[in-house]
PDB file of N, CA and C in Angstrom:
ATOM      1  N   MET A   1      68.614  18.708-115.989  1.00  0.00           N
ATOM      2  CA  MET A   1      69.948  18.991-115.567  1.00  0.00           C
ATOM      3  C   MET A   1      70.927  18.168-116.375  1.00  0.00           C
ATOM      4  N   GLY A   2      71.899  18.850-116.917  1.00  0.00           N
ATOM      5  CA  GLY A   2      72.843  18.179-117.793  1.00  0.00           C
ATOM      6  C   GLY A   2      73.780  17.232-116.998  1.00  0.00           C
ATOM      7  N   PRO A   3      74.416  16.280-117.686  1.00  0.00           N
ATOM      8  CA  PRO A   3      75.282  15.289-117.053  1.00  0.00           C
ATOM      9  C   PRO A   3      76.444  15.988-116.304  1.00  0.00           C
ATOM     10  N   LEU A   4      77.018  16.994-116.815  1.00  0.00           N
ATOM     11  CA  LEU A   4      78.203  17.609-116.146  1.00  0.00           C
ATOM     12  C   LEU A   4      77.728  18.243-114.850  1.00  0.00           C
ATOM     13  N   TYR A   5      76.578  18.848-114.781  1.00  0.00           N
ATOM     14  CA  TYR A   5      76.070  19.471-113.586  1.00  0.00           C
ATOM     15  C   TYR A   5      75.667  18.426-112.560  1.00  0.00           C
ATOM     16  N   LEU A   6      75.213  17.238-113.032  1.00  0.00           N
ATOM     17  CA  LEU A   6      74.933  16.159-112.167  1.00  0.00           C
ATOM     18  C   LEU A   6      76.185  15.669-111.502  1.00  0.00           C
ATOM     19  N   LEU A   7      77.269  15.606-112.278  1.00  0.00           N
ATOM     20  CA  LEU A   7      78.565  15.178-111.762  1.00  0.00           C
ATOM     21  C   LEU A   7      79.037  16.160-110.664  1.00  0.00           C
ATOM     22  N   TRP A   8      78.923  17.424-110.913  1.00  0.00           N
ATOM     23  CA  TRP A   8      79.324  18.425-109.892  1.00  0.00           C
ATOM     24  C   TRP A   8      78.479  18.261-108.637  1.00  0.00           C
ATOM     25  N   MET A   9      77.166  18.125-108.888  1.00  0.00           N
ATOM     26  CA  MET A   9      76.291  17.961-107.704  1.00  0.00           C
ATOM     27  C   MET A   9      76.630  16.674-106.930  1.00  0.00           C
ATOM     28  N   PHE A  10      76.964  15.619-107.636  1.00  0.00           N
ATOM     29  CA  PHE A  10      77.319  14.356-106.980  1.00  0.00           C
ATOM     30  C   PHE A  10      78.646  14.579-106.202  1.00  0.00           C
ATOM     31  N   THR A  11      79.548  15.336-106.795  1.00  0.00           N
ATOM     32  CA  THR A  11      80.798  15.650-106.048  1.00  0.00           C
ATOM     33  C   THR A  11      80.544  16.362-104.733  1.00  0.00           C
ATOM     34  N   GLY A  12      79.648  17.339-104.765  1.00  0.00           N
ATOM     35  CA  GLY A  12      79.299  18.066-103.509  1.00  0.00           C
ATOM     36  C   GLY A  12      78.612  17.161-102.508  1.00  0.00           C
ATOM     37  N   LEU A  13      77.736  16.272-103.007  1.00  0.00           N
ATOM     38  CA  LEU A  13      77.035  15.381-102.094  1.00  0.00           C
ATOM     39  C   LEU A  13      78.003  14.311-101.441  1.00  0.00           C
ATOM     40  N   ILE A  14      78.965  13.903-102.293  1.00  0.00           N
ATOM     41  CA  ILE A  14      79.932  12.905-101.709  1.00  0.00           C
ATOM     42  C   ILE A  14      80.784  13.586-100.657  1.00  0.00           C
ATOM     43  N   LEU A  15      81.133  14.883-100.915  1.00  0.00           N
ATOM     44  CA  LEU A  15      81.922  15.697 -99.944  1.00  0.00           C
ATOM     45  C   LEU A  15      81.078  15.802 -98.619  1.00  0.00           C
ATOM     46  N   ILE A  16      79.822  16.060 -98.694  1.00  0.00           N
ATOM     47  CA  ILE A  16      78.948  16.152 -97.576  1.00  0.00           C
ATOM     48  C   ILE A  16      78.926  14.833 -96.849  1.00  0.00           C
ATOM     49  N   GLY A  17      78.684  13.789 -97.665  1.00  0.00           N
ATOM     50  CA  GLY A  17      78.600  12.400 -97.055  1.00  0.00           C
ATOM     51  C   GLY A  17      79.778  11.917 -96.306  1.00  0.00           C
ATOM     52  N   VAL A  18      80.983  12.208 -96.827  1.00  0.00           N
ATOM     53  CA  VAL A  18      82.252  11.765 -96.096  1.00  0.00           C
ATOM     54  C   VAL A  18      82.539  12.676 -94.939  1.00  0.00           C
ATOM     55  N   SER A  19      81.933  13.871 -94.848  1.00  0.00           N
ATOM     56  CA  SER A  19      82.143  14.757 -93.754  1.00  0.00           C
ATOM     57  C   SER A  19      81.298  14.486 -92.536  1.00  0.00           C
ATOM     58  N   ILE A  20      80.143  13.914 -92.748  1.00  0.00           N
ATOM     59  CA  ILE A  20      79.194  13.745 -91.659  1.00  0.00           C
ATOM     60  C   ILE A  20      79.754  12.876 -90.539  1.00  0.00           C
ATOM     61  N   PRO A  21      80.414  11.719 -90.797  1.00  0.00           N
ATOM     62  CA  PRO A  21      81.020  11.017 -89.701  1.00  0.00           C
ATOM     63  C   PRO A  21      82.082  11.807 -88.930  1.00  0.00           C
ATOM     64  N   LEU A  22      82.781  12.686 -89.622  1.00  0.00           N
ATOM     65  CA  LEU A  22      83.768  13.492 -88.920  1.00  0.00           C
ATOM     66  C   LEU A  22      83.050  14.488 -87.975  1.00  0.00           C
ATOM     67  N   VAL A  23      81.999  15.103 -88.480  1.00  0.00           N
ATOM     68  CA  VAL A  23      81.256  16.045 -87.611  1.00  0.00           C
ATOM     69  C   VAL A  23      80.693  15.336 -86.395  1.00  0.00           C
ATOM     70  N   LEU A  24      80.228  14.118 -86.579  1.00  0.00           N
ATOM     71  CA  LEU A  24      79.634  13.326 -85.462  1.00  0.00           C
ATOM     72  C   LEU A  24      80.641  12.652 -84.592  1.00  0.00           C
ATOM     73  N   LYS A  25      81.960  12.902 -84.856  1.00  0.00           N
ATOM     74  CA  LYS A  25      83.079  12.349 -84.070  1.00  0.00           C
ATOM     75  C   LYS A  25      83.061  10.786 -84.043  1.00  0.00           C
ATOM     76  N   LYS A  26      82.696  10.241 -85.187  1.00  0.00           N
ATOM     77  CA  LYS A  26      82.569   8.721 -85.310  1.00  0.00           C
ATOM     78  C   LYS A  26      83.846   8.062 -85.770  1.00  0.00           C
ATOM     79  N   ILE A  27      84.825   8.819 -86.226  1.00  0.00           N
ATOM     80  CA  ILE A  27      86.045   8.268 -86.874  1.00  0.00           C
ATOM     81  C   ILE A  27      87.203   8.394 -85.867  1.00  0.00           C
ATOM     82  N   PRO A  28      87.685   7.265 -85.382  1.00  0.00           N
ATOM     83  CA  PRO A  28      88.799   7.297 -84.444  1.00  0.00           C
ATOM     84  C   PRO A  28      90.103   7.572 -85.232  1.00  0.00           C
ATOM     85  N   PRO A  29      91.135   7.969 -84.522  1.00  0.00           N
ATOM     86  CA  PRO A  29      92.436   8.210 -85.189  1.00  0.00           C
ATOM     87  C   PRO A  29      92.851   6.989 -86.054  1.00  0.00           C
ATOM     88  N   ASN A  30      93.275   7.313 -87.277  1.00  0.00           N
ATOM     89  CA  ASN A  30      93.614   6.276 -88.239  1.00  0.00           C
ATOM     90  C   ASN A  30      94.533   6.907 -89.257  1.00  0.00           C
ATOM     91  N   GLN A  31      95.058   6.087 -90.142  1.00  0.00           N
ATOM     92  CA  GLN A  31      95.960   6.510 -91.205  1.00  0.00           C
ATOM     93  C   GLN A  31      95.309   6.786 -92.525  1.00  0.00           C
ATOM     94  N   TRP A  32      93.997   6.651 -92.637  1.00  0.00           N
ATOM     95  CA  TRP A  32      93.316   6.649 -93.943  1.00  0.00           C
ATOM     96  C   TRP A  32      92.311   7.741 -94.086  1.00  0.00           C
ATOM     97  N   TYR A  33      91.568   8.091 -93.039  1.00  0.00           N
ATOM     98  CA  TYR A  33      90.395   8.959 -93.169  1.00  0.00           C
ATOM     99  C   TYR A  33      90.302   9.981 -92.080  1.00  0.00           C
ATOM    100  N   GLY A  34      90.230  11.200 -92.464  1.00  0.00           N
ATOM    101  CA  GLY A  34      90.193  12.311 -91.466  1.00  0.00           C
ATOM    102  C   GLY A  34      91.211  13.374 -91.716  1.00  0.00           C
ATOM    103  N   PHE A  35      91.310  14.296 -90.802  1.00  0.00           N
ATOM    104  CA  PHE A  35      92.219  15.438 -90.826  1.00  0.00           C
ATOM    105  C   PHE A  35      93.510  14.823 -90.186  1.00  0.00           C
ATOM    106  N   ARG A  36      94.377  14.327 -91.015  1.00  0.00           N
ATOM    107  CA  ARG A  36      95.613  13.619 -90.509  1.00  0.00           C
ATOM    108  C   ARG A  36      96.827  14.460 -90.699  1.00  0.00           C
ATOM    109  N   VAL A  37      97.147  15.159 -89.658  1.00  0.00           N
ATOM    110  CA  VAL A  37      98.421  15.883 -89.577  1.00  0.00           C
ATOM    111  C   VAL A  37      99.067  15.557 -88.206  1.00  0.00           C
ATOM    112  N   PRO A  38     100.294  15.789 -88.033  1.00  0.00           N
ATOM    113  CA  PRO A  38     100.972  15.406 -86.730  1.00  0.00           C
ATOM    114  C   PRO A  38     100.257  15.877 -85.494  1.00  0.00           C
ATOM    115  N   LYS A  39      99.758  17.060 -85.522  1.00  0.00           N
ATOM    116  CA  LYS A  39      99.088  17.660 -84.323  1.00  0.00           C
ATOM    117  C   LYS A  39      97.776  16.892 -83.966  1.00  0.00           C
ATOM    118  N   THR A  40      97.046  16.416 -84.976  1.00  0.00           N
ATOM    119  CA  THR A  40      95.751  15.691 -84.688  1.00  0.00           C
ATOM    120  C   THR A  40      96.081  14.351 -84.104  1.00  0.00           C
ATOM    121  N   PHE A  41      97.227  13.788 -84.306  1.00  0.00           N
ATOM    122  CA  PHE A  41      97.562  12.537 -83.735  1.00  0.00           C
ATOM    123  C   PHE A  41      98.152  12.676 -82.354  1.00  0.00           C
ATOM    124  N   SER A  42      98.331  13.933 -81.887  1.00  0.00           N
ATOM    125  CA  SER A  42      98.902  14.113 -80.545  1.00  0.00           C
ATOM    126  C   SER A  42      98.020  13.743 -79.394  1.00  0.00           C
ATOM    127  N   SER A  43      96.669  13.873 -79.623  1.00  0.00           N
ATOM    128  CA  SER A  43      95.755  13.459 -78.538  1.00  0.00           C
ATOM    129  C   SER A  43      94.461  13.182 -79.130  1.00  0.00           C
ATOM    130  N   ASP A  44      93.657  12.344 -78.444  1.00  0.00           N
ATOM    131  CA  ASP A  44      92.313  12.002 -78.969  1.00  0.00           C
ATOM    132  C   ASP A  44      91.419  13.288 -78.888  1.00  0.00           C
ATOM    133  N   ARG A  45      91.567  14.078 -77.921  1.00  0.00           N
ATOM    134  CA  ARG A  45      90.741  15.318 -77.864  1.00  0.00           C
ATOM    135  C   ARG A  45      90.980  16.183 -79.077  1.00  0.00           C
ATOM    136  N   ILE A  46      92.203  16.432 -79.455  1.00  0.00           N
ATOM    137  CA  ILE A  46      92.578  17.191 -80.626  1.00  0.00           C
ATOM    138  C   ILE A  46      92.093  16.519 -81.889  1.00  0.00           C
ATOM    139  N   TRP A  47      92.214  15.220 -81.976  1.00  0.00           N
ATOM    140  CA  TRP A  47      91.794  14.412 -83.158  1.00  0.00           C
ATOM    141  C   TRP A  47      90.251  14.711 -83.403  1.00  0.00           C
ATOM    142  N   TYR A  48      89.471  14.433 -82.392  1.00  0.00           N
ATOM    143  CA  TYR A  48      88.093  14.532 -82.624  1.00  0.00           C
ATOM    144  C   TYR A  48      87.614  15.959 -82.830  1.00  0.00           C
ATOM    145  N   GLU A  49      88.149  16.902 -82.136  1.00  0.00           N
ATOM    146  CA  GLU A  49      87.708  18.308 -82.306  1.00  0.00           C
ATOM    147  C   GLU A  49      88.174  18.874 -83.622  1.00  0.00           C
ATOM    148  N   ALA A  50      89.448  18.549 -84.025  1.00  0.00           N
ATOM    149  CA  ALA A  50      89.971  19.056 -85.301  1.00  0.00           C
ATOM    150  C   ALA A  50      89.095  18.409 -86.501  1.00  0.00           C
ATOM    151  N   ASN A  51      88.762  17.189 -86.339  1.00  0.00           N
ATOM    152  CA  ASN A  51      88.025  16.467 -87.420  1.00  0.00           C
ATOM    153  C   ASN A  51      86.598  16.960 -87.419  1.00  0.00           C
ATOM    154  N   ARG A  52      86.052  17.381 -86.268  1.00  0.00           N
ATOM    155  CA  ARG A  52      84.667  17.907 -86.271  1.00  0.00           C
ATOM    156  C   ARG A  52      84.689  19.258 -87.009  1.00  0.00           C
ATOM    157  N   VAL A  53      85.649  20.106 -86.731  1.00  0.00           N
ATOM    158  CA  VAL A  53      85.738  21.398 -87.426  1.00  0.00           C
ATOM    159  C   VAL A  53      85.939  21.189 -88.921  1.00  0.00           C
ATOM    160  N   ALA A  54      86.868  20.347 -89.270  1.00  0.00           N
ATOM    161  CA  ALA A  54      87.178  20.038 -90.710  1.00  0.00           C
ATOM    162  C   ALA A  54      85.911  19.468 -91.323  1.00  0.00           C
ATOM    163  N   GLY A  55      85.213  18.593 -90.656  1.00  0.00           N
ATOM    164  CA  GLY A  55      84.002  17.981 -91.203  1.00  0.00           C
ATOM    165  C   GLY A  55      82.949  19.024 -91.486  1.00  0.00           C
ATOM    166  N   ILE A  56      82.779  19.968 -90.601  1.00  0.00           N
ATOM    167  CA  ILE A  56      81.813  21.087 -90.752  1.00  0.00           C
ATOM    168  C   ILE A  56      82.266  21.947 -92.011  1.00  0.00           C
ATOM    169  N   ASP A  57      83.515  22.229 -92.069  1.00  0.00           N
ATOM    170  CA  ASP A  57      84.004  23.050 -93.151  1.00  0.00           C
ATOM    171  C   ASP A  57      83.804  22.352 -94.476  1.00  0.00           C
ATOM    172  N   PHE A  58      84.111  21.107 -94.533  1.00  0.00           N
ATOM    173  CA  PHE A  58      83.939  20.333 -95.814  1.00  0.00           C
ATOM    174  C   PHE A  58      82.423  20.112 -96.141  1.00  0.00           C
ATOM    175  N   CYS A  59      81.629  19.969 -95.130  1.00  0.00           N
ATOM    176  CA  CYS A  59      80.155  19.911 -95.315  1.00  0.00           C
ATOM    177  C   CYS A  59      79.699  21.223 -95.988  1.00  0.00           C
ATOM    178  N   LEU A  60      80.124  22.286 -95.472  1.00  0.00           N
ATOM    179  CA  LEU A  60      79.769  23.595 -96.057  1.00  0.00           C
ATOM    180  C   LEU A  60      80.292  23.746 -97.501  1.00  0.00           C
ATOM    181  N   ALA A  61      81.526  23.288 -97.701  1.00  0.00           N
ATOM    182  CA  ALA A  61      82.108  23.291 -99.037  1.00  0.00           C
ATOM    183  C   ALA A  61      81.267  22.491-100.026  1.00  0.00           C
ATOM    184  N   GLY A  62      80.848  21.338 -99.547  1.00  0.00           N
ATOM    185  CA  GLY A  62      80.017  20.480-100.388  1.00  0.00           C
ATOM    186  C   GLY A  62      78.689  21.139-100.679  1.00  0.00           C
ATOM    187  N   GLY A  63      78.093  21.816 -99.669  1.00  0.00           N
ATOM    188  CA  GLY A  63      76.805  22.556 -99.905  1.00  0.00           C
ATOM    189  C   GLY A  63      76.965  23.681-100.918  1.00  0.00           C
ATOM    190  N   VAL A  64      78.175  24.363-100.875  1.00  0.00           N
ATOM    191  CA  VAL A  64      78.359  25.415-101.869  1.00  0.00           C
ATOM    192  C   VAL A  64      78.503  24.794-103.262  1.00  0.00           C
ATOM    193  N   VAL A  65      79.152  23.655-103.396  1.00  0.00           N
ATOM    194  CA  VAL A  65      79.303  23.002-104.688  1.00  0.00           C
ATOM    195  C   VAL A  65      77.929  22.561-105.202  1.00  0.00           C
ATOM    196  N   VAL A  66      77.112  21.963-104.346  1.00  0.00           N
ATOM    197  CA  VAL A  66      75.777  21.535-104.732  1.00  0.00           C
ATOM    198  C   VAL A  66      75.000  22.757-105.182  1.00  0.00           C
ATOM    199  N   GLY A  67      74.962  23.774-104.358  1.00  0.00           N
ATOM    200  CA  GLY A  67      74.137  24.922-104.745  1.00  0.00           C
ATOM    201  C   GLY A  67      74.625  25.617-106.011  1.00  0.00           C
ATOM    202  N   ALA A  68      75.941  25.698-106.176  1.00  0.00           N
ATOM    203  CA  ALA A  68      76.487  26.321-107.402  1.00  0.00           C
ATOM    204  C   ALA A  68      76.211  25.423-108.622  1.00  0.00           C
ATOM    205  N   SER A  69      76.191  24.175-108.453  1.00  0.00           N
ATOM    206  CA  SER A  69      75.831  23.311-109.591  1.00  0.00           C
ATOM    207  C   SER A  69      74.393  23.466-110.056  1.00  0.00           C
ATOM    208  N   VAL A  70      73.496  23.682-109.057  1.00  0.00           N
ATOM    209  CA  VAL A  70      72.061  23.891-109.414  1.00  0.00           C
ATOM    210  C   VAL A  70      71.920  25.221-110.105  1.00  0.00           C
ATOM    211  N   VAL A  71      72.525  26.279-109.559  1.00  0.00           N
ATOM    212  CA  VAL A  71      72.460  27.602-110.181  1.00  0.00           C
ATOM    213  C   VAL A  71      73.088  27.578-111.557  1.00  0.00           C
ATOM    214  N   MET A  72      74.238  26.955-111.730  1.00  0.00           N
ATOM    215  CA  MET A  72      74.987  26.939-112.972  1.00  0.00           C
ATOM    216  C   MET A  72      74.177  26.207-114.022  1.00  0.00           C
ATOM    217  N   ASN A  73      73.449  25.186-113.686  1.00  0.00           N
ATOM    218  CA  ASN A  73      72.607  24.509-114.605  1.00  0.00           C
ATOM    219  C   ASN A  73      71.641  25.442-115.341  1.00  0.00           C
ATOM    220  N   PHE A  74      71.131  26.405-114.553  1.00  0.00           N
ATOM    221  CA  PHE A  74      70.174  27.321-115.110  1.00  0.00           C
ATOM    222  C   PHE A  74      70.799  28.474-115.852  1.00  0.00           C
ATOM    223  N   ILE A  75      71.976  28.957-115.475  1.00  0.00           N
ATOM    224  CA  ILE A  75      72.553  30.096-116.125  1.00  0.00           C
ATOM    225  C   ILE A  75      73.572  29.745-117.172  1.00  0.00           C
ATOM    226  N   ALA A  76      74.015  28.431-117.250  1.00  0.00           N
ATOM    227  CA  ALA A  76      75.025  28.056-118.272  1.00  0.00           C
ATOM    228  C   ALA A  76      74.547  28.365-119.716  1.00  0.00           C
ATOM    229  N   PRO A  77      73.279  28.147-120.033  1.00  0.00           N
ATOM    230  CA  PRO A  77      72.892  28.575-121.393  1.00  0.00           C
ATOM    231  C   PRO A  77      73.092  30.017-121.726  1.00  0.00           C
ATOM    232  N   MET A  78      73.044  30.838-120.728  1.00  0.00           N
ATOM    233  CA  MET A  78      73.228  32.351-120.929  1.00  0.00           C
ATOM    234  C   MET A  78      74.677  32.713-121.003  1.00  0.00           C
ATOM    235  N   ILE A  79      75.557  32.095-120.284  1.00  0.00           N
ATOM    236  CA  ILE A  79      76.985  32.463-120.261  1.00  0.00           C
ATOM    237  C   ILE A  79      77.884  31.536-121.039  1.00  0.00           C
ATOM    238  N   GLY A  80      77.369  30.439-121.506  1.00  0.00           N
ATOM    239  CA  GLY A  80      78.179  29.479-122.277  1.00  0.00           C
ATOM    240  C   GLY A  80      78.762  28.372-121.420  1.00  0.00           C
ATOM    241  N   GLU A  81      78.979  27.218-122.064  1.00  0.00           N
ATOM    242  CA  GLU A  81      79.425  26.076-121.278  1.00  0.00           C
ATOM    243  C   GLU A  81      80.879  26.255-120.794  1.00  0.00           C
ATOM    244  N   GLY A  82      81.724  26.882-121.630  1.00  0.00           N
ATOM    245  CA  GLY A  82      83.116  27.086-121.282  1.00  0.00           C
ATOM    246  C   GLY A  82      83.285  27.919-120.007  1.00  0.00           C
ATOM    247  N   LEU A  83      82.508  29.056-119.970  1.00  0.00           N
ATOM    248  CA  LEU A  83      82.601  29.927-118.796  1.00  0.00           C
ATOM    249  C   LEU A  83      81.960  29.232-117.583  1.00  0.00           C
ATOM    250  N   SER A  84      80.913  28.462-117.787  1.00  0.00           N
ATOM    251  CA  SER A  84      80.267  27.799-116.628  1.00  0.00           C
ATOM    252  C   SER A  84      81.177  26.720-116.016  1.00  0.00           C
ATOM    253  N   VAL A  85      81.902  26.022-116.929  1.00  0.00           N
ATOM    254  CA  VAL A  85      82.868  25.029-116.385  1.00  0.00           C
ATOM    255  C   VAL A  85      83.985  25.727-115.632  1.00  0.00           C
ATOM    256  N   THR A  86      84.448  26.861-116.108  1.00  0.00           N
ATOM    257  CA  THR A  86      85.477  27.634-115.434  1.00  0.00           C
ATOM    258  C   THR A  86      84.996  28.105-114.088  1.00  0.00           C
ATOM    259  N   VAL A  87      83.755  28.612-114.013  1.00  0.00           N
ATOM    260  CA  VAL A  87      83.216  29.113-112.802  1.00  0.00           C
ATOM    261  C   VAL A  87      83.077  27.981-111.781  1.00  0.00           C
ATOM    262  N   MET A  88      82.587  26.831-112.244  1.00  0.00           N
ATOM    263  CA  MET A  88      82.458  25.676-111.334  1.00  0.00           C
ATOM    264  C   MET A  88      83.779  25.176-110.804  1.00  0.00           C
ATOM    265  N   LEU A  89      84.755  25.138-111.627  1.00  0.00           N
ATOM    266  CA  LEU A  89      86.097  24.766-111.191  1.00  0.00           C
ATOM    267  C   LEU A  89      86.600  25.678-110.054  1.00  0.00           C
ATOM    268  N   PHE A  90      86.395  27.018-110.285  1.00  0.00           N
ATOM    269  CA  PHE A  90      86.797  27.981-109.244  1.00  0.00           C
ATOM    270  C   PHE A  90      85.944  27.780-108.003  1.00  0.00           C
ATOM    271  N   VAL A  91      84.670  27.497-108.124  1.00  0.00           N
ATOM    272  CA  VAL A  91      83.843  27.318-106.985  1.00  0.00           C
ATOM    273  C   VAL A  91      84.304  26.063-106.183  1.00  0.00           C
ATOM    274  N   ILE A  92      84.572  24.985-106.915  1.00  0.00           N
ATOM    275  CA  ILE A  92      84.993  23.761-106.220  1.00  0.00           C
ATOM    276  C   ILE A  92      86.337  23.938-105.562  1.00  0.00           C
ATOM    277  N   LEU A  93      87.342  24.429-106.328  1.00  0.00           N
ATOM    278  CA  LEU A  93      88.633  24.641-105.695  1.00  0.00           C
ATOM    279  C   LEU A  93      88.657  25.679-104.622  1.00  0.00           C
ATOM    280  N   GLY A  94      87.907  26.759-104.834  1.00  0.00           N
ATOM    281  CA  GLY A  94      87.834  27.870-103.827  1.00  0.00           C
ATOM    282  C   GLY A  94      87.190  27.385-102.536  1.00  0.00           C
ATOM    283  N   SER A  95      86.130  26.609-102.634  1.00  0.00           N
ATOM    284  CA  SER A  95      85.477  26.142-101.393  1.00  0.00           C
ATOM    285  C   SER A  95      86.319  25.120-100.722  1.00  0.00           C
ATOM    286  N   LEU A  96      87.012  24.242-101.439  1.00  0.00           N
ATOM    287  CA  LEU A  96      87.892  23.289-100.789  1.00  0.00           C
ATOM    288  C   LEU A  96      89.124  24.022-100.136  1.00  0.00           C
ATOM    289  N   LEU A  97      89.650  25.025-100.798  1.00  0.00           N
ATOM    290  CA  LEU A  97      90.758  25.762-100.255  1.00  0.00           C
ATOM    291  C   LEU A  97      90.328  26.510 -98.980  1.00  0.00           C
ATOM    292  N   ALA A  98      89.168  27.131 -99.019  1.00  0.00           N
ATOM    293  CA  ALA A  98      88.628  27.806 -97.871  1.00  0.00           C
ATOM    294  C   ALA A  98      88.483  26.837 -96.669  1.00  0.00           C
ATOM    295  N   ALA A  99      87.985  25.597 -96.957  1.00  0.00           N
ATOM    296  CA  ALA A  99      87.758  24.643 -95.917  1.00  0.00           C
ATOM    297  C   ALA A  99      89.101  24.217 -95.294  1.00  0.00           C
ATOM    298  N   VAL A 100      90.127  24.000 -96.119  1.00  0.00           N
ATOM    299  CA  VAL A 100      91.410  23.540 -95.632  1.00  0.00           C
ATOM    300  C   VAL A 100      92.045  24.647 -94.791  1.00  0.00           C
ATOM    301  N   VAL A 101      91.984  25.880 -95.339  1.00  0.00           N
ATOM    302  CA  VAL A 101      92.612  27.055 -94.612  1.00  0.00           C
ATOM    303  C   VAL A 101      91.889  27.239 -93.227  1.00  0.00           C
ATOM    304  N   HIS A 102      90.610  27.240 -93.243  1.00  0.00           N
ATOM    305  CA  HIS A 102      89.901  27.424 -91.911  1.00  0.00           C
ATOM    306  C   HIS A 102      90.184  26.296 -90.971  1.00  0.00           C
ATOM    307  N   SER A 103      90.242  25.056 -91.510  1.00  0.00           N
ATOM    308  CA  SER A 103      90.529  23.884 -90.635  1.00  0.00           C
ATOM    309  C   SER A 103      91.899  24.009 -90.017  1.00  0.00           C
ATOM    310  N   LEU A 104      92.891  24.449 -90.849  1.00  0.00           N
ATOM    311  CA  LEU A 104      94.302  24.599 -90.311  1.00  0.00           C
ATOM    312  C   LEU A 104      94.318  25.709 -89.317  1.00  0.00           C
ATOM    313  N   LEU A 105      93.639  26.797 -89.532  1.00  0.00           N
ATOM    314  CA  LEU A 105      93.666  27.908 -88.630  1.00  0.00           C
ATOM    315  C   LEU A 105      93.001  27.532 -87.268  1.00  0.00           C
ATOM    316  N   ALA A 106      91.945  26.784 -87.384  1.00  0.00           N
ATOM    317  CA  ALA A 106      91.254  26.269 -86.193  1.00  0.00           C
ATOM    318  C   ALA A 106      92.123  25.304 -85.378  1.00  0.00           C
ATOM    319  N   LEU A 107      92.881  24.498 -86.089  1.00  0.00           N
ATOM    320  CA  LEU A 107      93.818  23.571 -85.462  1.00  0.00           C
ATOM    321  C   LEU A 107      94.910  24.287 -84.694  1.00  0.00           C
ATOM    322  N   ARG A 108      95.385  25.439 -85.276  1.00  0.00           N
ATOM    323  CA  ARG A 108      96.388  26.185 -84.569  1.00  0.00           C
ATOM    324  C   ARG A 108      96.004  26.627 -83.164  1.00  0.00           C
ATOM    325  N   LYS A 109      94.676  26.816 -82.957  1.00  0.00           N
ATOM    326  CA  LYS A 109      94.146  27.311 -81.689  1.00  0.00           C
ATOM    327  C   LYS A 109      93.875  26.216 -80.706  1.00  0.00           C
ATOM    328  N   MET A 110      94.064  24.973 -81.117  1.00  0.00           N
ATOM    329  CA  MET A 110      93.780  23.772 -80.275  1.00  0.00           C
ATOM    330  C   MET A 110      95.023  23.371 -79.448  1.00  0.00           C
TER     331      MET A 110
END
C-alpha cells in the first residue's frame, strides 16, 4: 500500500477513533470537542443524543474513507494517480458532508 493511501486510511481511522467516545456518550458538554452548536448546549439530553448521532455518522464516514482507500490502492494503477487522488478527495469530502448534513437534520428533530 502506497504512502498516500496509508495517509487516507489513517485519516479514516482517526475519524473513527474520535467518534467512538461521542457514540458512547462519554464526552460532557464542552467548548472543544463534540457537536457544538447552540441547540446542543441547551440541555444535557440534547447534547448527548446529538453527539451520539453525530458520532455514528462520523464513524460511518471514517469507515467509508478507510474502505475507499483500500479499494483505491488496488485500482489506482489502472486509473492513474491523478484520478485516484481526485476520487479520494470527493469520497472524503462527500462522506464528511453527508455526516454533517445528517447530524444537523437529526438535531432538528430533537
